[in-house]
Amino acid sequence: MDHDEDVTLMMAFQQGDERAFDTLYRKHAPALSRYFWRSTFSAPLSEEMVQETFLKIHRYKESYQPRAGFRTYLYMVARSILLNNWRGLQNSRLQADLDEDLPLGGSSDMDDEIARREDLRRVQAALTTLPERQATALLLVRGEGLSYEDAAQTMGLSLSALKSLLNRARNLLAEKVLP
């Protein structure tokens, strides 16, 4: 299913086809959950935010205009929900139990697994210290694979402003993570 099919599905949903909405949900909920997890480090909170995002899309379906791809629209809504919760997340993210939310890798060498988890914790801790816009830009492009153009549109930025945010975010992360 490609970009045009998502727009077609959303338009069908606007016309009352609930199955089209279900298809969009099944297709995009897993990636959206990962997006929220990367910001919250909490699987339950991530799932709650996914539900809130799709509830908002369902509730305001009439206002959808296919000016951009559905995925761009989806992440605009998701970003809004994340921003509404950002202050509370700033205080609670580092308290999350990462061992519960992170599945063990397939490594048979426990030392490698412990080192991998420690590296991941350092990156996650560093992400929580980034300014919100830098963290969001990084998560949209690197975490969710949005193109620079789609991420810029999602965040309401010019392409050059997005690239500048990404550059600053990468530099700050490197300072905080690399020994």
Protein backbone atom coordinates (compact mmCIF):
# COMPACT_ATOMS: atom_id res chain seq x y z
CA MET A 1 0.00 0.00 0.00
CA ASP A 2 1.51 3.31 -0.93
CA HIS A 3 1.02 6.97 -0.17
CA ASP A 4 -1.86 7.44 -2.64
CA GLU A 5 -3.71 4.46 -1.24
CA ASP A 6 -3.54 5.92 2.28
CA VAL A 7 -5.10 9.16 1.04
CA THR A 8 -7.75 7.14 -0.78
CA LEU A 9 -8.47 5.19 2.39
CA MET A 10 -8.80 8.38 4.43
CA MET A 11 -11.13 9.86 1.86
CA ALA A 12 -13.22 6.65 1.93
CA PHE A 13 -13.34 6.90 5.71
CA GLN A 14 -14.61 10.46 5.40
CA GLN A 15 -17.44 9.03 3.32
CA GLY A 16 -18.33 6.58 6.09
CA ASP A 17 -16.21 3.50 5.32
CA GLU A 18 -15.08 2.37 8.80
CA ARG A 19 -13.10 -0.50 7.28
CA ALA A 20 -10.85 2.07 5.59
CA PHE A 21 -10.11 3.59 9.00
CA ASP A 22 -9.38 0.14 10.43
CA THR A 23 -6.95 -0.49 7.57
CA LEU A 24 -5.15 2.80 8.23
CA TYR A 25 -4.98 1.97 11.93
CA ARG A 26 -3.55 -1.52 11.38
CA LYS A 27 -0.99 -0.17 8.91
CA HIS A 28 0.25 2.84 10.90
CA ALA A 29 -0.30 2.02 14.60
CA PRO A 30 2.90 -0.06 15.03
CA ALA A 31 5.17 2.69 13.64
CA LEU A 32 3.32 5.34 15.60
CA SER A 33 3.74 3.29 18.76
CA ARG A 34 7.51 3.16 18.15
CA TYR A 35 7.54 6.94 17.59
CA PHE A 36 5.85 7.56 20.93
CA TRP A 37 8.00 4.95 22.69
CA ARG A 38 11.15 6.71 21.54
CA SER A 39 9.85 9.84 23.26
CA THR A 40 8.34 8.29 26.39
CA PHE A 41 10.25 5.02 26.92
CA SER A 42 6.96 3.60 28.17
CA ALA A 43 5.03 1.00 26.20
CA PRO A 44 1.71 1.62 28.01
CA LEU A 45 1.93 5.40 27.56
CA SER A 46 2.92 4.95 23.93
CA GLU A 47 -0.12 2.78 23.26
CA GLU A 48 -2.35 5.29 25.02
CA MET A 49 -1.00 8.06 22.80
CA VAL A 50 -1.53 5.94 19.67
CA GLN A 51 -5.16 5.50 20.70
CA GLU A 52 -5.49 9.22 21.36
CA THR A 53 -4.02 10.03 17.94
CA PHE A 54 -6.38 7.76 16.05
CA LEU A 55 -9.33 8.89 18.17
CA LYS A 56 -8.56 12.47 17.19
CA ILE A 57 -8.29 11.51 13.53
CA HIS A 58 -11.60 9.65 13.80
CA ARG A 59 -13.32 12.50 15.62
CA TYR A 60 -12.13 15.19 13.19
CA LYS A 61 -12.22 13.18 9.98
CA GLU A 62 -14.23 15.87 8.19
CA SER A 63 -11.38 18.37 8.53
CA TYR A 64 -8.83 16.17 6.71
CA GLN A 65 -7.65 17.66 3.43
CA PRO A 66 -5.27 15.65 1.23
CA ARG A 67 -2.80 18.55 0.86
CA ALA A 68 -0.03 16.27 2.10
CA GLY A 69 0.29 12.53 2.44
CA PHE A 70 -1.70 10.76 5.13
CA ARG A 71 1.49 9.83 6.99
CA THR A 72 2.48 13.50 7.23
CA TYR A 73 -1.00 14.31 8.56
CA LEU A 74 -0.80 11.40 11.02
CA TYR A 75 2.51 12.61 12.46
CA MET A 76 1.23 16.18 12.68
CA VAL A 77 -1.60 14.93 14.89
CA ALA A 78 0.78 12.66 16.84
CA ARG A 79 3.24 15.50 17.40
CA SER A 80 0.44 17.66 18.74
CA ILE A 81 -0.48 14.95 21.24
CA LEU A 82 3.15 14.47 22.20
CA LEU A 83 3.60 18.21 22.76
CA ASN A 84 0.49 18.28 24.96
CA ASN A 85 2.13 15.64 27.14
CA TRP A 86 5.74 16.86 26.86
CA ARG A 87 6.15 18.55 30.26
CA GLY A 88 5.00 15.50 32.15
CA LEU A 89 7.21 13.30 30.02
CA GLN A 90 10.28 15.40 30.72
CA ASN A 91 9.95 14.57 34.42
CA SER A 92 9.04 10.91 34.11
CA ARG A 93 11.01 9.52 31.16
CA LEU A 94 14.18 8.74 33.05
CA GLN A 95 12.15 6.92 35.71
CA ALA A 96 10.78 4.41 33.17
CA ASP A 97 11.69 0.78 33.67
CA LEU A 98 13.64 0.20 30.48
CA ASP A 99 14.18 -3.48 31.17
CA GLU A 100 10.42 -4.12 30.95
CA ASP A 101 9.95 -2.17 27.74
CA LEU A 102 13.05 -3.39 25.90
CA PRO A 103 13.06 -6.97 24.70
CA LEU A 104 16.30 -8.86 25.10
CA GLY A 105 18.26 -9.16 21.90
CA GLY A 106 19.29 -12.50 20.48
CA SER A 107 22.87 -12.16 21.75
CA SER A 108 24.21 -15.30 23.38
CA ASP A 109 27.00 -13.30 24.99
CA MET A 110 25.59 -11.62 28.09
CA ASP A 111 28.42 -9.07 28.26
CA ASP A 112 27.54 -7.85 24.74
CA GLU A 113 23.88 -7.62 25.71
CA ILE A 114 24.66 -5.63 28.84
CA ALA A 115 26.92 -3.26 26.87
CA ARG A 116 24.23 -2.83 24.19
CA ARG A 117 21.62 -1.96 26.81
CA GLU A 118 23.96 0.47 28.53
CA ASP A 119 24.67 2.21 25.21
CA LEU A 120 20.93 2.41 24.55
CA ARG A 121 20.31 3.88 28.00
CA ARG A 122 22.96 6.57 27.38
CA VAL A 123 21.37 7.49 24.04
CA GLN A 124 17.89 7.54 25.59
CA ALA A 125 19.07 9.68 28.50
CA ALA A 126 20.77 12.06 26.06
CA LEU A 127 17.59 12.26 23.95
CA THR A 128 15.63 13.42 26.99
CA THR A 129 17.97 16.39 27.38
CA LEU A 130 17.53 17.65 23.83
CA PRO A 131 15.20 20.57 23.23
CA GLU A 132 11.77 19.28 22.14
CA ARG A 133 12.04 20.47 18.54
CA GLN A 134 15.45 18.85 18.07
CA ALA A 135 14.30 15.58 19.60
CA THR A 136 11.15 15.57 17.47
CA ALA A 137 13.08 16.27 14.26
CA LEU A 138 15.52 13.47 15.04
CA LEU A 139 12.76 11.00 15.91
CA LEU A 140 10.74 11.78 12.79
CA VAL A 141 13.67 11.45 10.38
CA ARG A 142 15.86 8.80 12.01
CA GLY A 143 13.30 6.95 14.08
CA GLU A 144 10.31 6.96 11.76
CA GLY A 145 12.03 7.29 8.41
CA LEU A 146 10.11 10.35 7.26
CA SER A 147 11.75 12.23 4.43
CA TYR A 148 13.24 15.59 5.31
CA GLU A 149 10.42 17.24 3.36
CA ASP A 150 7.68 15.33 5.22
CA ALA A 151 9.32 15.93 8.61
CA ALA A 152 9.66 19.65 7.85
CA GLN A 153 6.01 19.83 6.83
CA THR A 154 4.95 17.86 9.92
CA MET A 155 6.79 20.32 12.15
CA GLY A 156 5.77 23.41 10.18
CA LEU A 157 9.36 24.26 9.26
CA SER A 158 11.31 25.06 6.15
CA LEU A 159 13.60 22.35 4.86
CA SER A 160 16.70 24.36 5.84
CA ALA A 161 15.33 24.91 9.37
CA LEU A 162 14.75 21.16 9.77
CA LYS A 163 18.27 20.37 8.56
CA SER A 164 19.65 22.89 11.04
CA LEU A 165 17.68 21.30 13.90
CA LEU A 166 18.93 17.85 12.91
CA ASN A 167 22.52 19.04 12.77
CA ARG A 168 22.28 20.63 16.23
CA ALA A 169 20.57 17.51 17.63
CA ARG A 170 23.23 15.19 16.25
CA ASN A 171 26.02 17.38 17.61
CA LEU A 172 24.45 17.53 21.08
CA LEU A 173 23.88 13.78 21.11
CA ALA A 174 27.48 13.12 20.08
CA GLU A 175 28.73 15.37 22.89
CA LYS A 176 26.60 13.57 25.47
CA VAL A 177 26.98 9.97 24.29
CA LEU A 178 30.51 9.63 22.98
CA PRO A 179 33.19 9.27 25.65
